[in-house]
């Protein structure tokens, strides 16, 4: 078995990770510990650069190493070295975590925006609007027939004053006066301040 030499507090990778990986494939716990020591530093570094959060990086690194242990049989030494295979798994896991976090943040943001769009008390608002409509109808009934007809054409039918005058066959000045008087009476009836 290869010995591990410490340089600046970091273990030096064993000379042949393929041999160690072959032992890991057979379920050798000691070989996995050796593999872990050899790849955990680079894996953590890569994951840390992608996630930029130490706690999540540690969690993802542990997930990566667990996947390496479970998927050791899928490693094919003819297709490449062990380190790139492990680093590919690490990169995929880190990117998946970033996507999951972004998706969760987007869902939270959409939920917060959606919650703000929902009226606080829709029933109360509808009841209040209904009462307002009743009050306006009551005040409209208190207008003269000519005033009411002018208001309905100008404000409910959306006609311009000139169009109201043409429709009623009445001079424009007379229509304007009727509308002004009607609006004053409506304001007084509804209790609005001048």
C-alpha atoms as a PDB file:
ATOM      1  CA  UNK A   1       0.000   0.000   0.000  1.00  0.00           C
ATOM      2  CA  UNK A   2       1.229   3.545  -0.742  1.00  0.00           C
ATOM      3  CA  UNK A   3       2.209   5.823   2.096  1.00  0.00           C
ATOM      4  CA  UNK A   4       0.806   9.315   2.398  1.00  0.00           C
ATOM      5  CA  UNK A   5       3.332  12.145   2.638  1.00  0.00           C
ATOM      6  CA  UNK A   6       2.222  15.450   4.174  1.00  0.00           C
ATOM      7  CA  UNK A   7       3.293  18.644   2.428  1.00  0.00           C
ATOM      8  CA  UNK A   8       2.117  21.841   4.117  1.00  0.00           C
ATOM      9  CA  UNK A   9      -0.519  19.881   6.047  1.00  0.00           C
ATOM     10  CA  UNK A  10      -2.119  18.371   2.930  1.00  0.00           C
ATOM     11  CA  UNK A  11      -1.861  14.717   1.986  1.00  0.00           C
ATOM     12  CA  UNK A  12      -0.110  14.017  -1.286  1.00  0.00           C
ATOM     13  CA  UNK A  13      -2.322  11.990  -3.643  1.00  0.00           C
ATOM     14  CA  UNK A  14      -1.326   8.333  -3.907  1.00  0.00           C
ATOM     15  CA  UNK A  15       0.591   7.506  -7.023  1.00  0.00           C
ATOM     16  CA  UNK A  16      -2.113   5.282  -8.488  1.00  0.00           C
ATOM     17  CA  UNK A  17      -5.693   6.293  -7.754  1.00  0.00           C
ATOM     18  CA  UNK A  18      -6.924   3.718 -10.274  1.00  0.00           C
ATOM     19  CA  UNK A  19      -5.635   0.902  -8.060  1.00  0.00           C
ATOM     20  CA  UNK A  20      -7.212   2.508  -4.995  1.00  0.00           C
ATOM     21  CA  UNK A  21     -10.486   2.934  -6.897  1.00  0.00           C
ATOM     22  CA  UNK A  22     -10.450  -0.723  -7.901  1.00  0.00           C
ATOM     23  CA  UNK A  23     -10.217  -1.612  -4.206  1.00  0.00           C
ATOM     24  CA  UNK A  24     -13.049   0.834  -3.400  1.00  0.00           C
ATOM     25  CA  UNK A  25     -15.163  -0.890  -6.056  1.00  0.00           C
ATOM     26  CA  UNK A  26     -14.745  -4.125  -4.078  1.00  0.00           C
ATOM     27  CA  UNK A  27     -15.997  -2.370  -0.913  1.00  0.00           C
ATOM     28  CA  UNK A  28     -12.597  -1.821   0.760  1.00  0.00           C
ATOM     29  CA  UNK A  29     -13.187   0.801   3.493  1.00  0.00           C
ATOM     30  CA  UNK A  30      -9.460   1.449   4.012  1.00  0.00           C
ATOM     31  CA  UNK A  31      -9.045   2.130   0.285  1.00  0.00           C
ATOM     32  CA  UNK A  32     -11.989   4.531   0.403  1.00  0.00           C
ATOM     33  CA  UNK A  33     -10.370   6.373   3.318  1.00  0.00           C
ATOM     34  CA  UNK A  34      -7.213   6.682   1.225  1.00  0.00           C
ATOM     35  CA  UNK A  35      -9.241   7.899  -1.770  1.00  0.00           C
ATOM     36  CA  UNK A  36     -11.107  10.345   0.474  1.00  0.00           C
ATOM     37  CA  UNK A  37      -7.839  11.787   1.773  1.00  0.00           C
ATOM     38  CA  UNK A  38      -6.530  12.143  -1.776  1.00  0.00           C
ATOM     39  CA  UNK A  39      -9.553  13.826  -3.389  1.00  0.00           C
ATOM     40  CA  UNK A  40     -11.454  15.599  -0.606  1.00  0.00           C
ATOM     41  CA  UNK A  41      -9.279  18.731  -0.715  1.00  0.00           C
ATOM     42  CA  UNK A  42      -9.623  19.358  -4.453  1.00  0.00           C
ATOM     43  CA  UNK A  43     -13.325  18.408  -4.316  1.00  0.00           C
ATOM     44  CA  UNK A  44     -13.990  20.865  -1.499  1.00  0.00           C
ATOM     45  CA  UNK A  45     -12.033  23.591  -3.326  1.00  0.00           C
ATOM     46  CA  UNK A  46     -14.061  23.145  -6.509  1.00  0.00           C
ATOM     47  CA  UNK A  47     -17.378  22.986  -4.698  1.00  0.00           C
ATOM     48  CA  UNK A  48     -16.455  26.024  -2.571  1.00  0.00           C
ATOM     49  CA  UNK A  49     -15.665  28.063  -5.689  1.00  0.00           C
ATOM     50  CA  UNK A  50     -19.030  27.186  -7.222  1.00  0.00           C
ATOM     51  CA  UNK A  51     -21.197  27.628  -4.111  1.00  0.00           C
ATOM     52  CA  UNK A  52     -19.310  30.373  -2.235  1.00  0.00           C
ATOM     53  CA  UNK A  53     -20.789  29.106   1.019  1.00  0.00           C
ATOM     54  CA  UNK A  54     -18.647  27.007   3.322  1.00  0.00           C
ATOM     55  CA  UNK A  55     -21.456  25.148   5.093  1.00  0.00           C
ATOM     56  CA  UNK A  56     -23.164  24.179   1.846  1.00  0.00           C
ATOM     57  CA  UNK A  57     -19.802  23.295   0.335  1.00  0.00           C
ATOM     58  CA  UNK A  58     -19.074  20.864   3.156  1.00  0.00           C
ATOM     59  CA  UNK A  59     -22.503  19.292   2.738  1.00  0.00           C
ATOM     60  CA  UNK A  60     -22.125  18.937  -1.029  1.00  0.00           C
ATOM     61  CA  UNK A  61     -18.608  17.533  -0.617  1.00  0.00           C
ATOM     62  CA  UNK A  62     -19.984  14.832   1.677  1.00  0.00           C
ATOM     63  CA  UNK A  63     -22.710  14.074  -0.894  1.00  0.00           C
ATOM     64  CA  UNK A  64     -20.047  13.791  -3.592  1.00  0.00           C
ATOM     65  CA  UNK A  65     -17.939  11.397  -1.555  1.00  0.00           C
ATOM     66  CA  UNK A  66     -21.000   9.302  -0.730  1.00  0.00           C
ATOM     67  CA  UNK A  67     -21.832   9.140  -4.430  1.00  0.00           C
ATOM     68  CA  UNK A  68     -18.250   8.140  -5.229  1.00  0.00           C
ATOM     69  CA  UNK A  69     -18.548   5.288  -2.715  1.00  0.00           C
ATOM     70  CA  UNK A  70     -21.927   4.150  -4.064  1.00  0.00           C
ATOM     71  CA  UNK A  71     -21.076   4.605  -7.753  1.00  0.00           C
ATOM     72  CA  UNK A  72     -17.549   3.211  -7.597  1.00  0.00           C
ATOM     73  CA  UNK A  73     -18.604   0.276  -9.790  1.00  0.00           C
ATOM     74  CA  UNK A  74     -19.538   2.717 -12.575  1.00  0.00           C
ATOM     75  CA  UNK A  75     -16.002   4.084 -12.775  1.00  0.00           C
ATOM     76  CA  UNK A  76     -14.284   2.799 -15.914  1.00  0.00           C
ATOM     77  CA  UNK A  77     -10.475   3.103 -15.752  1.00  0.00           C
ATOM     78  CA  UNK A  78     -10.267   2.802 -19.557  1.00  0.00           C
ATOM     79  CA  UNK A  79     -12.241   6.040 -19.972  1.00  0.00           C
ATOM     80  CA  UNK A  80     -10.020   8.228 -17.793  1.00  0.00           C
ATOM     81  CA  UNK A  81      -8.347   8.891 -14.481  1.00  0.00           C
ATOM     82  CA  UNK A  82     -10.079   8.864 -11.107  1.00  0.00           C
ATOM     83  CA  UNK A  83      -9.550  12.535 -10.222  1.00  0.00           C
ATOM     84  CA  UNK A  84     -11.382  13.963 -13.289  1.00  0.00           C
ATOM     85  CA  UNK A  85     -14.225  11.471 -12.736  1.00  0.00           C
ATOM     86  CA  UNK A  86     -14.611  12.560  -9.100  1.00  0.00           C
ATOM     87  CA  UNK A  87     -14.276  16.244  -9.982  1.00  0.00           C
ATOM     88  CA  UNK A  88     -17.001  15.881 -12.639  1.00  0.00           C
ATOM     89  CA  UNK A  89     -19.325  14.424 -10.018  1.00  0.00           C
ATOM     90  CA  UNK A  90     -18.383  17.274  -7.653  1.00  0.00           C
ATOM     91  CA  UNK A  91     -19.018  19.957 -10.258  1.00  0.00           C
ATOM     92  CA  UNK A  92     -22.395  18.487 -11.206  1.00  0.00           C
ATOM     93  CA  UNK A  93     -23.466  18.284  -7.562  1.00  0.00           C
ATOM     94  CA  UNK A  94     -22.364  21.868  -6.896  1.00  0.00           C
ATOM     95  CA  UNK A  95     -24.188  23.216  -9.956  1.00  0.00           C
ATOM     96  CA  UNK A  96     -27.294  21.227  -8.988  1.00  0.00           C
ATOM     97  CA  UNK A  97     -27.186  22.830  -5.539  1.00  0.00           C
ATOM     98  CA  UNK A  98     -26.886  26.318  -7.038  1.00  0.00           C
ATOM     99  CA  UNK A  99     -29.861  25.648  -9.310  1.00  0.00           C
ATOM    100  CA  UNK A 100     -31.905  24.239  -6.437  1.00  0.00           C
ATOM    101  CA  UNK A 101     -31.132  27.272  -4.263  1.00  0.00           C
ATOM    102  CA  UNK A 102     -32.028  29.688  -7.062  1.00  0.00           C
ATOM    103  CA  UNK A 103     -35.258  27.843  -7.790  1.00  0.00           C
ATOM    104  CA  UNK A 104     -36.177  27.939  -4.092  1.00  0.00           C
ATOM    105  CA  UNK A 105     -35.386  31.663  -3.925  1.00  0.00           C
ATOM    106  CA  UNK A 106     -37.489  32.281  -7.053  1.00  0.00           C
ATOM    107  CA  UNK A 107     -40.400  30.306  -5.567  1.00  0.00           C
ATOM    108  CA  UNK A 108     -40.137  32.276  -2.325  1.00  0.00           C
ATOM    109  CA  UNK A 109     -39.982  35.571  -4.209  1.00  0.00           C
ATOM    110  CA  UNK A 110     -42.998  34.640  -6.349  1.00  0.00           C
ATOM    111  CA  UNK A 111     -44.914  33.514  -3.282  1.00  0.00           C
ATOM    112  CA  UNK A 112     -44.113  36.799  -1.530  1.00  0.00           C
ATOM    113  CA  UNK A 113     -45.172  38.845  -4.559  1.00  0.00           C
ATOM    114  CA  UNK A 114     -48.306  36.726  -4.974  1.00  0.00           C
ATOM    115  CA  UNK A 115     -49.182  37.200  -1.326  1.00  0.00           C
ATOM    116  CA  UNK A 116     -48.920  40.970  -1.744  1.00  0.00           C
ATOM    117  CA  UNK A 117     -51.211  40.931  -4.787  1.00  0.00           C
ATOM    118  CA  UNK A 118     -54.028  39.193  -2.893  1.00  0.00           C
ATOM    119  CA  UNK A 119     -56.397  41.713  -1.324  1.00  0.00           C
ATOM    120  CA  UNK A 120     -56.347  41.583   2.474  1.00  0.00           C
ATOM    121  CA  UNK A 121     -60.075  41.177   2.845  1.00  0.00           C
ATOM    122  CA  UNK A 122     -61.736  40.677  -0.508  1.00  0.00           C
ATOM    123  CA  UNK A 123     -65.228  40.244   0.989  1.00  0.00           C
ATOM    124  CA  UNK A 124     -65.004  43.523   2.901  1.00  0.00           C
ATOM    125  CA  UNK A 125     -63.751  45.351  -0.184  1.00  0.00           C
ATOM    126  CA  UNK A 126     -66.597  43.995  -2.307  1.00  0.00           C
ATOM    127  CA  UNK A 127     -69.144  44.937   0.354  1.00  0.00           C
ATOM    128  CA  UNK A 128     -67.711  48.443   0.557  1.00  0.00           C
ATOM    129  CA  UNK A 129     -67.773  48.803  -3.232  1.00  0.00           C
ATOM    130  CA  UNK A 130     -71.394  47.617  -3.273  1.00  0.00           C
ATOM    131  CA  UNK A 131     -72.321  50.234  -0.664  1.00  0.00           C
ATOM    132  CA  UNK A 132     -70.506  52.911  -2.679  1.00  0.00           C
ATOM    133  CA  UNK A 133     -72.448  51.909  -5.801  1.00  0.00           C
ATOM    134  CA  UNK A 134     -75.715  52.082  -3.889  1.00  0.00           C
ATOM    135  CA  UNK A 135     -74.844  55.543  -2.585  1.00  0.00           C
ATOM    136  CA  UNK A 136     -73.974  56.786  -6.082  1.00  0.00           C
ATOM    137  CA  UNK A 137     -77.246  55.364  -7.477  1.00  0.00           C
ATOM    138  CA  UNK A 138     -79.180  57.069  -4.683  1.00  0.00           C
ATOM    139  CA  UNK A 139     -77.500  60.409  -5.426  1.00  0.00           C
ATOM    140  CA  UNK A 140     -78.061  60.028  -9.180  1.00  0.00           C
ATOM    141  CA  UNK A 141     -81.795  59.541  -8.531  1.00  0.00           C
ATOM    142  CA  UNK A 142     -81.838  62.896  -6.693  1.00  0.00           C
ATOM    143  CA  UNK A 143     -80.679  64.736  -9.860  1.00  0.00           C
ATOM    144  CA  UNK A 144     -83.134  66.143 -12.372  1.00  0.00           C
ATOM    145  CA  UNK A 145     -83.837  63.951 -15.389  1.00  0.00           C
ATOM    146  CA  UNK A 146     -81.815  66.271 -17.663  1.00  0.00           C
ATOM    147  CA  UNK A 147     -78.851  66.358 -15.276  1.00  0.00           C
ATOM    148  CA  UNK A 148     -78.921  62.581 -14.777  1.00  0.00           C
ATOM    149  CA  UNK A 149     -79.037  61.933 -18.537  1.00  0.00           C
ATOM    150  CA  UNK A 150     -76.112  64.328 -19.137  1.00  0.00           C
ATOM    151  CA  UNK A 151     -74.017  62.686 -16.375  1.00  0.00           C
ATOM    152  CA  UNK A 152     -74.757  59.167 -17.629  1.00  0.00           C
ATOM    153  CA  UNK A 153     -73.781  60.058 -21.188  1.00  0.00           C
ATOM    154  CA  UNK A 154     -70.632  61.983 -20.202  1.00  0.00           C
ATOM    155  CA  UNK A 155     -69.262  59.775 -17.406  1.00  0.00           C
ATOM    156  CA  UNK A 156     -70.750  56.323 -17.947  1.00  0.00           C
ATOM    157  CA  UNK A 157     -71.012  56.238 -21.746  1.00  0.00           C
ATOM    158  CA  UNK A 158     -67.714  58.123 -22.110  1.00  0.00           C
ATOM    159  CA  UNK A 159     -68.998  60.797 -24.486  1.00  0.00           C
ATOM    160  CA  UNK A 160     -67.334  64.185 -24.758  1.00  0.00           C
ATOM    161  CA  UNK A 161     -69.382  67.259 -23.782  1.00  0.00           C
ATOM    162  CA  UNK A 162     -69.824  68.176 -27.468  1.00  0.00           C
ATOM    163  CA  UNK A 163     -71.097  64.632 -28.228  1.00  0.00           C
ATOM    164  CA  UNK A 164     -73.531  64.822 -25.290  1.00  0.00           C
ATOM    165  CA  UNK A 165     -74.842  68.157 -26.671  1.00  0.00           C
ATOM    166  CA  UNK A 166     -75.303  66.630 -30.126  1.00  0.00           C
ATOM    167  CA  UNK A 167     -77.041  63.514 -28.754  1.00  0.00           C
ATOM    168  CA  UNK A 168     -79.447  65.600 -26.616  1.00  0.00           C
ATOM    169  CA  UNK A 169     -79.945  68.261 -29.321  1.00  0.00           C
ATOM    170  CA  UNK A 170     -78.977  70.871 -26.730  1.00  0.00           C
ATOM    171  CA  UNK A 171     -76.466  73.771 -26.921  1.00  0.00           C
ATOM    172  CA  UNK A 172     -72.986  72.929 -25.643  1.00  0.00           C
ATOM    173  CA  UNK A 173     -73.062  75.683 -22.980  1.00  0.00           C
ATOM    174  CA  UNK A 174     -76.328  74.329 -21.564  1.00  0.00           C
ATOM    175  CA  UNK A 175     -74.873  70.786 -21.333  1.00  0.00           C
ATOM    176  CA  UNK A 176     -71.775  72.110 -19.552  1.00  0.00           C
ATOM    177  CA  UNK A 177     -73.946  74.018 -17.067  1.00  0.00           C
ATOM    178  CA  UNK A 178     -76.125  70.955 -16.401  1.00  0.00           C
ATOM    179  CA  UNK A 179     -73.043  68.799 -15.833  1.00  0.00           C
ATOM    180  CA  UNK A 180     -71.443  71.353 -13.525  1.00  0.00           C
ATOM    181  CA  UNK A 181     -74.623  71.659 -11.457  1.00  0.00           C
ATOM    182  CA  UNK A 182     -75.060  67.874 -11.422  1.00  0.00           C
ATOM    183  CA  UNK A 183     -71.494  67.329 -10.220  1.00  0.00           C
ATOM    184  CA  UNK A 184     -71.961  69.884  -7.426  1.00  0.00           C
ATOM    185  CA  UNK A 185     -75.143  68.113  -6.287  1.00  0.00           C
ATOM    186  CA  UNK A 186     -73.439  64.699  -6.467  1.00  0.00           C
ATOM    187  CA  UNK A 187     -70.497  65.996  -4.437  1.00  0.00           C
ATOM    188  CA  UNK A 188     -72.830  67.373  -1.771  1.00  0.00           C
ATOM    189  CA  UNK A 189     -74.892  64.175  -1.721  1.00  0.00           C
ATOM    190  CA  UNK A 190     -71.838  61.913  -1.439  1.00  0.00           C
ATOM    191  CA  UNK A 191     -70.328  64.075   1.284  1.00  0.00           C
ATOM    192  CA  UNK A 192     -67.107  64.928  -0.563  1.00  0.00           C
ATOM    193  CA  UNK A 193     -65.154  68.028   0.469  1.00  0.00           C
ATOM    194  CA  UNK A 194     -64.893  70.858  -2.126  1.00  0.00           C
END
